[in-house]
Amino acid sequence: GMFQIVREPTRKDYLLDLVLTDLQNVSASITPSIADHKGVLFKLP
């Protein structure tokens, strides 16, 4: 019953950095790049 919450590309045009969860109301946002990947910030309610 898990779903993936990252909605934007994290490395060039591709979504490679995932957050998989079965928890409701978890949010994710993309942060500036660290090396060749963007960071992912997720918040738990």
PDB file of all heavy atoms in Angstrom:
ATOM      1  N   GLY A   1       0.806  -1.214   0.000  1.00  0.00           N
ATOM      2  CA  GLY A   1       0.000   0.000   0.000  1.00  0.00           C
ATOM      3  C   GLY A   1       0.843   1.270   0.000  1.00  0.00           C
ATOM      4  O   GLY A   1       0.409   2.313   0.487  1.00  0.00           O
ATOM      5  N   MET A   2       2.050   1.179  -0.562  1.00  0.00           N
ATOM      6  CA  MET A   2       2.932   2.337  -0.597  1.00  0.00           C
ATOM      7  C   MET A   2       2.769   3.096  -1.915  1.00  0.00           C
ATOM      8  O   MET A   2       2.373   2.519  -2.928  1.00  0.00           O
ATOM      9  CB  MET A   2       4.395   1.920  -0.430  1.00  0.00           C
ATOM     10  CG  MET A   2       4.715   1.346   0.930  1.00  0.00           C
ATOM     11  SD  MET A   2       6.489   1.115   1.227  1.00  0.00           S
ATOM     12  CE  MET A   2       6.902  -0.147   0.046  1.00  0.00           C
ATOM     13  N   PHE A   3       3.096   4.361  -1.884  1.00  0.00           N
ATOM     14  CA  PHE A   3       3.071   5.196  -3.075  1.00  0.00           C
ATOM     15  C   PHE A   3       4.337   6.036  -3.073  1.00  0.00           C
ATOM     16  O   PHE A   3       5.014   6.178  -2.053  1.00  0.00           O
ATOM     17  CB  PHE A   3       1.814   6.070  -3.112  1.00  0.00           C
ATOM     18  CG  PHE A   3       1.475   6.699  -1.788  1.00  0.00           C
ATOM     19  CD1 PHE A   3       1.933   7.962  -1.460  1.00  0.00           C
ATOM     20  CD2 PHE A   3       0.709   5.994  -0.854  1.00  0.00           C
ATOM     21  CE1 PHE A   3       1.628   8.523  -0.230  1.00  0.00           C
ATOM     22  CE2 PHE A   3       0.407   6.554   0.385  1.00  0.00           C
ATOM     23  CZ  PHE A   3       0.868   7.823   0.698  1.00  0.00           C
ATOM     24  N   GLN A   4       4.671   6.600  -4.231  1.00  0.00           N
ATOM     25  CA  GLN A   4       5.889   7.375  -4.422  1.00  0.00           C
ATOM     26  C   GLN A   4       5.504   8.852  -4.420  1.00  0.00           C
ATOM     27  O   GLN A   4       4.588   9.236  -5.120  1.00  0.00           O
ATOM     28  CB  GLN A   4       6.530   6.966  -5.748  1.00  0.00           C
ATOM     29  CG  GLN A   4       7.995   7.314  -5.890  1.00  0.00           C
ATOM     30  CD  GLN A   4       8.240   8.797  -6.063  1.00  0.00           C
ATOM     31  OE1 GLN A   4       8.960   9.404  -5.273  1.00  0.00           O
ATOM     32  NE2 GLN A   4       7.651   9.408  -7.055  1.00  0.00           N
ATOM     33  N   ILE A   5       6.199   9.692  -3.600  1.00  0.00           N
ATOM     34  CA  ILE A   5       5.738  11.070  -3.423  1.00  0.00           C
ATOM     35  C   ILE A   5       6.591  12.146  -4.097  1.00  0.00           C
ATOM     36  O   ILE A   5       6.209  13.311  -4.089  1.00  0.00           O
ATOM     37  CB  ILE A   5       5.567  11.409  -1.929  1.00  0.00           C
ATOM     38  CG1 ILE A   5       6.898  11.362  -1.185  1.00  0.00           C
ATOM     39  CG2 ILE A   5       4.536  10.500  -1.288  1.00  0.00           C
ATOM     40  CD1 ILE A   5       6.832  11.927   0.228  1.00  0.00           C
ATOM     41  N   VAL A   6       7.736  11.811  -4.668  1.00  0.00           N
ATOM     42  CA  VAL A   6       8.563  12.813  -5.345  1.00  0.00           C
ATOM     43  C   VAL A   6       7.994  13.013  -6.745  1.00  0.00           C
ATOM     44  O   VAL A   6       7.776  12.048  -7.466  1.00  0.00           O
ATOM     45  CB  VAL A   6      10.043  12.386  -5.409  1.00  0.00           C
ATOM     46  CG1 VAL A   6      10.891  13.467  -6.072  1.00  0.00           C
ATOM     47  CG2 VAL A   6      10.568  12.068  -4.015  1.00  0.00           C
ATOM     48  N   ARG A   7       7.760  14.255  -7.134  1.00  0.00           N
ATOM     49  CA  ARG A   7       7.052  14.532  -8.388  1.00  0.00           C
ATOM     50  C   ARG A   7       7.888  15.217  -9.463  1.00  0.00           C
ATOM     51  O   ARG A   7       7.408  15.448 -10.552  1.00  0.00           O
ATOM     52  CB  ARG A   7       5.818  15.405  -8.101  1.00  0.00           C
ATOM     53  CG  ARG A   7       4.841  14.749  -7.159  1.00  0.00           C
ATOM     54  CD  ARG A   7       4.135  13.600  -7.833  1.00  0.00           C
ATOM     55  NE  ARG A   7       3.269  12.918  -6.897  1.00  0.00           N
ATOM     56  CZ  ARG A   7       3.274  11.613  -6.695  1.00  0.00           C
ATOM     57  NH1 ARG A   7       4.097  10.850  -7.374  1.00  0.00           N
ATOM     58  NH2 ARG A   7       2.457  11.064  -5.847  1.00  0.00           N
ATOM     59  N   GLU A   8       9.138  15.553  -9.157  1.00  0.00           N
ATOM     60  CA  GLU A   8       9.980  16.263 -10.117  1.00  0.00           C
ATOM     61  C   GLU A   8      11.247  15.460 -10.393  1.00  0.00           C
ATOM     62  O   GLU A   8      11.650  14.641  -9.565  1.00  0.00           O
ATOM     63  CB  GLU A   8      10.375  17.624  -9.552  1.00  0.00           C
ATOM     64  CG  GLU A   8       9.215  18.547  -9.254  1.00  0.00           C
ATOM     65  CD  GLU A   8       9.682  19.822  -8.582  1.00  0.00           C
ATOM     66  OE1 GLU A   8      10.710  20.380  -9.029  1.00  0.00           O
ATOM     67  OE2 GLU A   8       9.037  20.232  -7.615  1.00  0.00           O
ATOM     68  N   PRO A   9      11.914  15.717 -11.524  1.00  0.00           N
ATOM     69  CA  PRO A   9      13.188  15.041 -11.802  1.00  0.00           C
ATOM     70  C   PRO A   9      14.226  15.394 -10.732  1.00  0.00           C
ATOM     71  O   PRO A   9      14.232  16.515 -10.215  1.00  0.00           O
ATOM     72  CB  PRO A   9      13.613  15.609 -13.162  1.00  0.00           C
ATOM     73  CG  PRO A   9      12.386  16.182 -13.758  1.00  0.00           C
ATOM     74  CD  PRO A   9      11.510  16.610 -12.619  1.00  0.00           C
ATOM     75  N   THR A  10      15.087  14.448 -10.414  1.00  0.00           N
ATOM     76  CA  THR A  10      16.131  14.684  -9.417  1.00  0.00           C
ATOM     77  C   THR A  10      17.534  14.587 -10.009  1.00  0.00           C
ATOM     78  O   THR A  10      18.495  15.019  -9.383  1.00  0.00           O
ATOM     79  CB  THR A  10      16.010  13.689  -8.250  1.00  0.00           C
ATOM     80  OG1 THR A  10      16.054  12.359  -8.760  1.00  0.00           O
ATOM     81  CG2 THR A  10      14.717  13.914  -7.483  1.00  0.00           C
ATOM     82  N   ARG A  11      17.658  13.991 -11.182  1.00  0.00           N
ATOM     83  CA  ARG A  11      18.947  13.958 -11.879  1.00  0.00           C
ATOM     84  C   ARG A  11      18.692  14.205 -13.360  1.00  0.00           C
ATOM     85  O   ARG A  11      18.102  13.362 -14.032  1.00  0.00           O
ATOM     86  CB  ARG A  11      19.672  12.631 -11.693  1.00  0.00           C
ATOM     87  CG  ARG A  11      21.066  12.651 -12.315  1.00  0.00           C
ATOM     88  CD  ARG A  11      21.843  11.387 -12.013  1.00  0.00           C
ATOM     89  NE  ARG A  11      23.219  11.517 -12.421  1.00  0.00           N
ATOM     90  CZ  ARG A  11      23.673  11.160 -13.630  1.00  0.00           C
ATOM     91  NH1 ARG A  11      22.856  10.667 -14.543  1.00  0.00           N
ATOM     92  NH2 ARG A  11      24.953  11.307 -13.917  1.00  0.00           N
ATOM     93  N   LYS A  12      19.097  15.368 -13.831  1.00  0.00           N
ATOM     94  CA  LYS A  12      18.809  15.813 -15.194  1.00  0.00           C
ATOM     95  C   LYS A  12      17.305  15.717 -15.435  1.00  0.00           C
ATOM     96  O   LYS A  12      16.532  16.286 -14.688  1.00  0.00           O
ATOM     97  CB  LYS A  12      19.646  15.037 -16.205  1.00  0.00           C
ATOM     98  CG  LYS A  12      21.140  15.261 -16.021  1.00  0.00           C
ATOM     99  CD  LYS A  12      21.951  14.551 -17.065  1.00  0.00           C
ATOM    100  CE  LYS A  12      23.439  14.810 -16.808  1.00  0.00           C
ATOM    101  NZ  LYS A  12      24.285  14.075 -17.711  1.00  0.00           N
ATOM    102  N   ASP A  13      16.875  14.969 -16.464  1.00  0.00           N
ATOM    103  CA  ASP A  13      15.445  14.868 -16.781  1.00  0.00           C
ATOM    104  C   ASP A  13      14.747  13.709 -16.079  1.00  0.00           C
ATOM    105  O   ASP A  13      13.573  13.456 -16.336  1.00  0.00           O
ATOM    106  CB  ASP A  13      15.257  14.697 -18.295  1.00  0.00           C
ATOM    107  CG  ASP A  13      15.697  15.920 -19.073  1.00  0.00           C
ATOM    108  OD1 ASP A  13      15.645  17.031 -18.502  1.00  0.00           O
ATOM    109  OD2 ASP A  13      16.096  15.778 -20.238  1.00  0.00           O
ATOM    110  N   TYR A  14      15.451  12.988 -15.198  1.00  0.00           N
ATOM    111  CA  TYR A  14      14.923  11.738 -14.659  1.00  0.00           C
ATOM    112  C   TYR A  14      14.670  11.798 -13.156  1.00  0.00           C
ATOM    113  O   TYR A  14      15.373  12.467 -12.406  1.00  0.00           O
ATOM    114  CB  TYR A  14      15.867  10.575 -14.979  1.00  0.00           C
ATOM    115  CG  TYR A  14      16.090  10.435 -16.463  1.00  0.00           C
ATOM    116  CD1 TYR A  14      17.351  10.634 -17.013  1.00  0.00           C
ATOM    117  CD2 TYR A  14      15.034  10.149 -17.315  1.00  0.00           C
ATOM    118  CE1 TYR A  14      17.547  10.531 -18.385  1.00  0.00           C
ATOM    119  CE2 TYR A  14      15.218  10.041 -18.684  1.00  0.00           C
ATOM    120  CZ  TYR A  14      16.476  10.237 -19.209  1.00  0.00           C
ATOM    121  OH  TYR A  14      16.658  10.146 -20.561  1.00  0.00           O
ATOM    122  N   LEU A  15      13.673  11.069 -12.732  1.00  0.00           N
ATOM    123  CA  LEU A  15      13.331  10.911 -11.327  1.00  0.00           C
ATOM    124  C   LEU A  15      13.983   9.621 -10.835  1.00  0.00           C
ATOM    125  O   LEU A  15      13.482   8.525 -11.093  1.00  0.00           O
ATOM    126  CB  LEU A  15      11.809  10.839 -11.162  1.00  0.00           C
ATOM    127  CG  LEU A  15      11.268  10.500  -9.782  1.00  0.00           C
ATOM    128  CD1 LEU A  15      11.790  11.458  -8.726  1.00  0.00           C
ATOM    129  CD2 LEU A  15       9.752  10.497  -9.797  1.00  0.00           C
ATOM    130  N   LEU A  16      15.123   9.744 -10.165  1.00  0.00           N
ATOM    131  CA  LEU A  16      15.863   8.574  -9.681  1.00  0.00           C
ATOM    132  C   LEU A  16      15.848   8.466  -8.160  1.00  0.00           C
ATOM    133  O   LEU A  16      16.089   7.398  -7.615  1.00  0.00           O
ATOM    134  CB  LEU A  16      17.315   8.623 -10.169  1.00  0.00           C
ATOM    135  CG  LEU A  16      17.512   8.669 -11.682  1.00  0.00           C
ATOM    136  CD1 LEU A  16      18.998   8.722 -12.017  1.00  0.00           C
ATOM    137  CD2 LEU A  16      16.848   7.497 -12.369  1.00  0.00           C
ATOM    138  N   ASP A  17      15.583   9.587  -7.484  1.00  0.00           N
ATOM    139  CA  ASP A  17      15.587   9.621  -6.021  1.00  0.00           C
ATOM    140  C   ASP A  17      14.140   9.576  -5.547  1.00  0.00           C
ATOM    141  O   ASP A  17      13.388  10.525  -5.744  1.00  0.00           O
ATOM    142  CB  ASP A  17      16.297  10.885  -5.552  1.00  0.00           C
ATOM    143  CG  ASP A  17      17.711  10.957  -6.117  1.00  0.00           C
ATOM    144  OD1 ASP A  17      18.604  10.364  -5.497  1.00  0.00           O
ATOM    145  OD2 ASP A  17      17.886  11.587  -7.181  1.00  0.00           O
ATOM    146  N   LEU A  18      13.771   8.459  -4.933  1.00  0.00           N
ATOM    147  CA  LEU A  18      12.375   8.194  -4.609  1.00  0.00           C
ATOM    148  C   LEU A  18      12.127   8.219  -3.102  1.00  0.00           C
ATOM    149  O   LEU A  18      13.031   7.946  -2.307  1.00  0.00           O
ATOM    150  CB  LEU A  18      11.953   6.826  -5.158  1.00  0.00           C
ATOM    151  CG  LEU A  18      12.218   6.555  -6.643  1.00  0.00           C
ATOM    152  CD1 LEU A  18      11.738   5.162  -7.008  1.00  0.00           C
ATOM    153  CD2 LEU A  18      11.563   7.605  -7.513  1.00  0.00           C
ATOM    154  N   VAL A  19      10.894   8.515  -2.737  1.00  0.00           N
ATOM    155  CA  VAL A  19      10.405   8.360  -1.364  1.00  0.00           C
ATOM    156  C   VAL A  19       9.143   7.517  -1.473  1.00  0.00           C
ATOM    157  O   VAL A  19       8.135   7.952  -2.028  1.00  0.00           O
ATOM    158  CB  VAL A  19      10.113   9.717  -0.687  1.00  0.00           C
ATOM    159  CG1 VAL A  19       9.526   9.489   0.701  1.00  0.00           C
ATOM    160  CG2 VAL A  19      11.370  10.567  -0.615  1.00  0.00           C
ATOM    161  N   LEU A  20       9.215   6.291  -0.966  1.00  0.00           N
ATOM    162  CA  LEU A  20       8.110   5.337  -1.014  1.00  0.00           C
ATOM    163  C   LEU A  20       7.532   5.205   0.385  1.00  0.00           C
ATOM    164  O   LEU A  20       8.266   4.962   1.342  1.00  0.00           O
ATOM    165  CB  LEU A  20       8.614   3.974  -1.488  1.00  0.00           C
ATOM    166  CG  LEU A  20       9.475   3.966  -2.756  1.00  0.00           C
ATOM    167  CD1 LEU A  20      10.099   2.593  -2.975  1.00  0.00           C
ATOM    168  CD2 LEU A  20       8.655   4.394  -3.952  1.00  0.00           C
ATOM    169  N   THR A  21       6.217   5.347   0.523  1.00  0.00           N
ATOM    170  CA  THR A  21       5.623   5.304   1.857  1.00  0.00           C
ATOM    171  C   THR A  21       4.164   4.871   1.792  1.00  0.00           C
ATOM    172  O   THR A  21       3.514   5.010   0.751  1.00  0.00           O
ATOM    173  CB  THR A  21       5.739   6.676   2.556  1.00  0.00           C
ATOM    174  OG1 THR A  21       5.304   6.555   3.905  1.00  0.00           O
ATOM    175  CG2 THR A  21       4.938   7.740   1.833  1.00  0.00           C
ATOM    176  N   ASP A  22       3.662   4.380   2.908  1.00  0.00           N
ATOM    177  CA  ASP A  22       2.236   4.111   3.050  1.00  0.00           C
ATOM    178  C   ASP A  22       1.601   5.117   4.010  1.00  0.00           C
ATOM    179  O   ASP A  22       0.435   4.998   4.374  1.00  0.00           O
ATOM    180  CB  ASP A  22       1.991   2.680   3.537  1.00  0.00           C
ATOM    181  CG  ASP A  22       2.599   2.383   4.896  1.00  0.00           C
ATOM    182  OD1 ASP A  22       3.348   3.222   5.427  1.00  0.00           O
ATOM    183  OD2 ASP A  22       2.352   1.284   5.420  1.00  0.00           O
ATOM    184  N   LEU A  23       2.362   6.130   4.418  1.00  0.00           N
ATOM    185  CA  LEU A  23       1.893   7.148   5.349  1.00  0.00           C
ATOM    186  C   LEU A  23       1.194   8.269   4.593  1.00  0.00           C
ATOM    187  O   LEU A  23       1.711   8.768   3.594  1.00  0.00           O
ATOM    188  CB  LEU A  23       3.069   7.732   6.135  1.00  0.00           C
ATOM    189  CG  LEU A  23       3.871   6.723   6.959  1.00  0.00           C
ATOM    190  CD1 LEU A  23       5.161   7.356   7.437  1.00  0.00           C
ATOM    191  CD2 LEU A  23       3.039   6.224   8.128  1.00  0.00           C
ATOM    192  N   GLN A  24       0.046   8.682   5.086  1.00  0.00           N
ATOM    193  CA  GLN A  24      -0.693   9.781   4.468  1.00  0.00           C
ATOM    194  C   GLN A  24      -0.082  11.116   4.882  1.00  0.00           C
ATOM    195  O   GLN A  24       0.547  11.236   5.926  1.00  0.00           O
ATOM    196  CB  GLN A  24      -2.165   9.725   4.890  1.00  0.00           C
ATOM    197  CG  GLN A  24      -2.864   8.441   4.478  1.00  0.00           C
ATOM    198  CD  GLN A  24      -2.847   8.218   2.971  1.00  0.00           C
ATOM    199  OE1 GLN A  24      -3.149   9.125   2.203  1.00  0.00           O
ATOM    200  NE2 GLN A  24      -2.500   7.010   2.551  1.00  0.00           N
ATOM    201  N   ASN A  25      -0.293  12.126   4.075  1.00  0.00           N
ATOM    202  CA  ASN A  25       0.106  13.503   4.368  1.00  0.00           C
ATOM    203  C   ASN A  25       1.614  13.700   4.502  1.00  0.00           C
ATOM    204  O   ASN A  25       2.053  14.624   5.189  1.00  0.00           O
ATOM    205  CB  ASN A  25      -0.597  14.024   5.622  1.00  0.00           C
ATOM    206  CG  ASN A  25      -2.100  13.987   5.467  1.00  0.00           C
ATOM    207  OD1 ASN A  25      -2.631  14.344   4.416  1.00  0.00           O
ATOM    208  ND2 ASN A  25      -2.791  13.529   6.495  1.00  0.00           N
ATOM    209  N   VAL A  26       2.415  12.847   3.871  1.00  0.00           N
ATOM    210  CA  VAL A  26       3.853  13.073   3.794  1.00  0.00           C
ATOM    211  C   VAL A  26       4.088  13.909   2.546  1.00  0.00           C
ATOM    212  O   VAL A  26       3.549  13.615   1.483  1.00  0.00           O
ATOM    213  CB  VAL A  26       4.636  11.741   3.700  1.00  0.00           C
ATOM    214  CG1 VAL A  26       6.128  12.002   3.577  1.00  0.00           C
ATOM    215  CG2 VAL A  26       4.355  10.864   4.907  1.00  0.00           C
ATOM    216  N   SER A  27       4.871  14.969   2.672  1.00  0.00           N
ATOM    217  CA  SER A  27       5.126  15.823   1.519  1.00  0.00           C
ATOM    218  C   SER A  27       6.604  15.786   1.156  1.00  0.00           C
ATOM    219  O   SER A  27       7.453  15.530   2.007  1.00  0.00           O
ATOM    220  CB  SER A  27       4.695  17.261   1.809  1.00  0.00           C
ATOM    221  OG  SER A  27       5.471  17.796   2.863  1.00  0.00           O
ATOM    222  N   ALA A  28       6.892  16.036  -0.111  1.00  0.00           N
ATOM    223  CA  ALA A  28       8.276  16.058  -0.586  1.00  0.00           C
ATOM    224  C   ALA A  28       8.476  17.263  -1.486  1.00  0.00           C
ATOM    225  O   ALA A  28       7.587  17.644  -2.244  1.00  0.00           O
ATOM    226  CB  ALA A  28       8.589  14.778  -1.348  1.00  0.00           C
ATOM    227  N   SER A  29       9.644  17.859  -1.379  1.00  0.00           N
ATOM    228  CA  SER A  29      10.013  18.949  -2.286  1.00  0.00           C
ATOM    229  C   SER A  29      11.467  18.761  -2.686  1.00  0.00           C
ATOM    230  O   SER A  29      12.252  18.124  -1.981  1.00  0.00           O
ATOM    231  CB  SER A  29       9.786  20.307  -1.616  1.00  0.00           C
ATOM    232  OG  SER A  29      10.523  20.409  -0.417  1.00  0.00           O
ATOM    233  N   ILE A  30      11.804  19.337  -3.823  1.00  0.00           N
ATOM    234  CA  ILE A  30      13.150  19.221  -4.370  1.00  0.00           C
ATOM    235  C   ILE A  30      13.985  20.391  -3.878  1.00  0.00           C
ATOM    236  O   ILE A  30      13.519  21.529  -3.841  1.00  0.00           O
ATOM    237  CB  ILE A  30      13.103  19.200  -5.911  1.00  0.00           C
ATOM    238  CG1 ILE A  30      12.245  18.032  -6.400  1.00  0.00           C
ATOM    239  CG2 ILE A  30      14.489  19.147  -6.517  1.00  0.00           C
ATOM    240  CD1 ILE A  30      12.708  16.678  -5.946  1.00  0.00           C
ATOM    241  N   THR A  31      15.243  20.121  -3.519  1.00  0.00           N
ATOM    242  CA  THR A  31      16.169  21.155  -3.078  1.00  0.00           C
ATOM    243  C   THR A  31      17.294  21.277  -4.117  1.00  0.00           C
ATOM    244  O   THR A  31      17.381  20.446  -5.025  1.00  0.00           O
ATOM    245  CB  THR A  31      16.746  20.816  -1.686  1.00  0.00           C
ATOM    246  OG1 THR A  31      17.567  19.655  -1.789  1.00  0.00           O
ATOM    247  CG2 THR A  31      15.628  20.572  -0.678  1.00  0.00           C
ATOM    248  N   PRO A  32      18.143  22.274  -3.992  1.00  0.00           N
ATOM    249  CA  PRO A  32      19.239  22.428  -4.961  1.00  0.00           C
ATOM    250  C   PRO A  32      20.135  21.179  -5.042  1.00  0.00           C
ATOM    251  O   PRO A  32      20.158  20.353  -4.130  1.00  0.00           O
ATOM    252  CB  PRO A  32      20.017  23.632  -4.422  1.00  0.00           C
ATOM    253  CG  PRO A  32      18.994  24.420  -3.672  1.00  0.00           C
ATOM    254  CD  PRO A  32      18.093  23.384  -3.045  1.00  0.00           C
ATOM    255  N   SER A  33      20.875  21.107  -6.128  1.00  0.00           N
ATOM    256  CA  SER A  33      21.730  19.940  -6.394  1.00  0.00           C
ATOM    257  C   SER A  33      22.843  19.780  -5.373  1.00  0.00           C
ATOM    258  O   SER A  33      23.413  20.751  -4.883  1.00  0.00           O
ATOM    259  CB  SER A  33      22.349  20.055  -7.785  1.00  0.00           C
ATOM    260  OG  SER A  33      21.368  19.968  -8.775  1.00  0.00           O
ATOM    261  N   ILE A  34      23.121  18.512  -5.085  1.00  0.00           N
ATOM    262  CA  ILE A  34      24.287  18.089  -4.322  1.00  0.00           C
ATOM    263  C   ILE A  34      25.007  17.141  -5.271  1.00  0.00           C
ATOM    264  O   ILE A  34      24.477  16.083  -5.588  1.00  0.00           O
ATOM    265  CB  ILE A  34      23.893  17.357  -3.032  1.00  0.00           C
ATOM    266  CG1 ILE A  34      23.018  18.251  -2.164  1.00  0.00           C
ATOM    267  CG2 ILE A  34      25.112  16.875  -2.291  1.00  0.00           C
ATOM    268  CD1 ILE A  34      22.376  17.538  -0.992  1.00  0.00           C
ATOM    269  N   ALA A  35      26.168  17.523  -5.768  1.00  0.00           N
ATOM    270  CA  ALA A  35      26.863  16.762  -6.823  1.00  0.00           C
ATOM    271  C   ALA A  35      25.957  16.725  -8.047  1.00  0.00           C
ATOM    272  O   ALA A  35      25.486  17.763  -8.485  1.00  0.00           O
ATOM    273  CB  ALA A  35      27.269  15.381  -6.325  1.00  0.00           C
ATOM    274  N   ASP A  36      25.629  15.534  -8.573  1.00  0.00           N
ATOM    275  CA  ASP A  36      24.838  15.457  -9.806  1.00  0.00           C
ATOM    276  C   ASP A  36      23.358  15.161  -9.574  1.00  0.00           C
ATOM    277  O   ASP A  36      22.614  14.937 -10.517  1.00  0.00           O
ATOM    278  CB  ASP A  36      25.441  14.432 -10.765  1.00  0.00           C
ATOM    279  CG  ASP A  36      25.467  13.025 -10.182  1.00  0.00           C
ATOM    280  OD1 ASP A  36      25.347  12.880  -8.950  1.00  0.00           O
ATOM    281  OD2 ASP A  36      25.624  12.076 -10.963  1.00  0.00           O
ATOM    282  N   HIS A  37      22.904  15.129  -8.317  1.00  0.00           N
ATOM    283  CA  HIS A  37      21.490  14.914  -7.991  1.00  0.00           C
ATOM    284  C   HIS A  37      20.955  16.085  -7.189  1.00  0.00           C
ATOM    285  O   HIS A  37      21.679  16.693  -6.403  1.00  0.00           O
ATOM    286  CB  HIS A  37      21.311  13.651  -7.130  1.00  0.00           C
ATOM    287  CG  HIS A  37      21.501  12.378  -7.862  1.00  0.00           C
ATOM    288  ND1 HIS A  37      20.469  11.516  -8.133  1.00  0.00           N
ATOM    289  CD2 HIS A  37      22.612  11.797  -8.387  1.00  0.00           C
ATOM    290  CE1 HIS A  37      20.931  10.470  -8.779  1.00  0.00           C
ATOM    291  NE2 HIS A  37      22.226  10.616  -8.947  1.00  0.00           N
ATOM    292  N   LYS A  38      19.677  16.365  -7.365  1.00  0.00           N
ATOM    293  CA  LYS A  38      19.016  17.327  -6.494  1.00  0.00           C
ATOM    294  C   LYS A  38      18.681  16.623  -5.183  1.00  0.00           C
ATOM    295  O   LYS A  38      18.511  15.404  -5.143  1.00  0.00           O
ATOM    296  CB  LYS A  38      17.751  17.857  -7.156  1.00  0.00           C
ATOM    297  CG  LYS A  38      18.051  18.710  -8.375  1.00  0.00           C
ATOM    298  CD  LYS A  38      16.783  19.209  -9.020  1.00  0.00           C
ATOM    299  CE  LYS A  38      17.142  20.043 -10.246  1.00  0.00           C
ATOM    300  NZ  LYS A  38      15.940  20.427 -10.996  1.00  0.00           N
ATOM    301  N   GLY A  39      18.577  17.381  -4.125  1.00  0.00           N
ATOM    302  CA  GLY A  39      18.183  16.821  -2.846  1.00  0.00           C
ATOM    303  C   GLY A  39      16.669  16.692  -2.768  1.00  0.00           C
ATOM    304  O   GLY A  39      15.935  17.318  -3.524  1.00  0.00           O
ATOM    305  N   VAL A  40      16.215  15.853  -1.843  1.00  0.00           N
ATOM    306  CA  VAL A  40      14.786  15.700  -1.593  1.00  0.00           C
ATOM    307  C   VAL A  40      14.552  15.969  -0.109  1.00  0.00           C
ATOM    308  O   VAL A  40      15.189  15.365   0.746  1.00  0.00           O
ATOM    309  CB  VAL A  40      14.285  14.279  -1.958  1.00  0.00           C
ATOM    310  CG1 VAL A  40      12.810  14.123  -1.604  1.00  0.00           C
ATOM    311  CG2 VAL A  40      14.531  13.973  -3.424  1.00  0.00           C
ATOM    312  N   LEU A  41      13.659  16.903   0.177  1.00  0.00           N
ATOM    313  CA  LEU A  41      13.259  17.212   1.548  1.00  0.00           C
ATOM    314  C   LEU A  41      11.862  16.663   1.740  1.00  0.00           C
ATOM    315  O   LEU A  41      10.951  17.014   0.991  1.00  0.00           O
ATOM    316  CB  LEU A  41      13.255  18.726   1.774  1.00  0.00           C
ATOM    317  CG  LEU A  41      12.662  19.210   3.103  1.00  0.00           C
ATOM    318  CD1 LEU A  41      13.556  18.829   4.267  1.00  0.00           C
ATOM    319  CD2 LEU A  41      12.453  20.721   3.051  1.00  0.00           C
ATOM    320  N   PHE A  42      11.693  15.763   2.713  1.00  0.00           N
ATOM    321  CA  PHE A  42      10.336  15.293   2.975  1.00  0.00           C
ATOM    322  C   PHE A  42       9.972  15.519   4.427  1.00  0.00           C
ATOM    323  O   PHE A  42      10.824  15.522   5.300  1.00  0.00           O
ATOM    324  CB  PHE A  42      10.110  13.847   2.528  1.00  0.00           C
ATOM    325  CG  PHE A  42      11.040  12.820   3.100  1.00  0.00           C
ATOM    326  CD1 PHE A  42      10.694  12.099   4.221  1.00  0.00           C
ATOM    327  CD2 PHE A  42      12.247  12.541   2.476  1.00  0.00           C
ATOM    328  CE1 PHE A  42      11.537  11.134   4.734  1.00  0.00           C
ATOM    329  CE2 PHE A  42      13.087  11.576   2.974  1.00  0.00           C
ATOM    330  CZ  PHE A  42      12.742  10.877   4.108  1.00  0.00           C
ATOM    331  N   LYS A  43       8.680  15.780   4.639  1.00  0.00           N
ATOM    332  CA  LYS A  43       8.164  16.113   5.956  1.00  0.00           C
ATOM    333  C   LYS A  43       7.093  15.107   6.350  1.00  0.00           C
ATOM    334  O   LYS A  43       6.223  14.766   5.551  1.00  0.00           O
ATOM    335  CB  LYS A  43       7.570  17.516   5.957  1.00  0.00           C
ATOM    336  CG  LYS A  43       8.585  18.596   5.652  1.00  0.00           C
ATOM    337  CD  LYS A  43       7.942  19.961   5.661  1.00  0.00           C
ATOM    338  CE  LYS A  43       8.934  21.042   5.276  1.00  0.00           C
ATOM    339  NZ  LYS A  43       8.308  22.370   5.287  1.00  0.00           N
ATOM    340  N   LEU A  44       7.170  14.677   7.596  1.00  0.00           N
ATOM    341  CA  LEU A  44       6.197  13.745   8.156  1.00  0.00           C
ATOM    342  C   LEU A  44       5.294  14.490   9.123  1.00  0.00           C
ATOM    343  O   LEU A  44       5.785  15.256   9.958  1.00  0.00           O
ATOM    344  CB  LEU A  44       6.912  12.613   8.903  1.00  0.00           C
ATOM    345  CG  LEU A  44       7.869  11.774   8.081  1.00  0.00           C
ATOM    346  CD1 LEU A  44       8.693  10.870   8.973  1.00  0.00           C
ATOM    347  CD2 LEU A  44       7.106  10.953   7.069  1.00  0.00           C
ATOM    348  N   PRO A  45       3.991  14.271   9.061  1.00  0.00           N
ATOM    349  CA  PRO A  45       3.052  15.027   9.913  1.00  0.00           C
ATOM    350  C   PRO A  45       2.856  14.422  11.293  1.00  0.00           C
ATOM    351  O   PRO A  45       1.739  14.270  11.757  1.00  0.00           O
ATOM    352  CB  PRO A  45       1.761  14.966   9.098  1.00  0.00           C
ATOM    353  CG  PRO A  45       1.828  13.621   8.457  1.00  0.00           C
ATOM    354  CD  PRO A  45       3.286  13.419   8.117  1.00  0.00           C
TER     355      PRO A  45
END
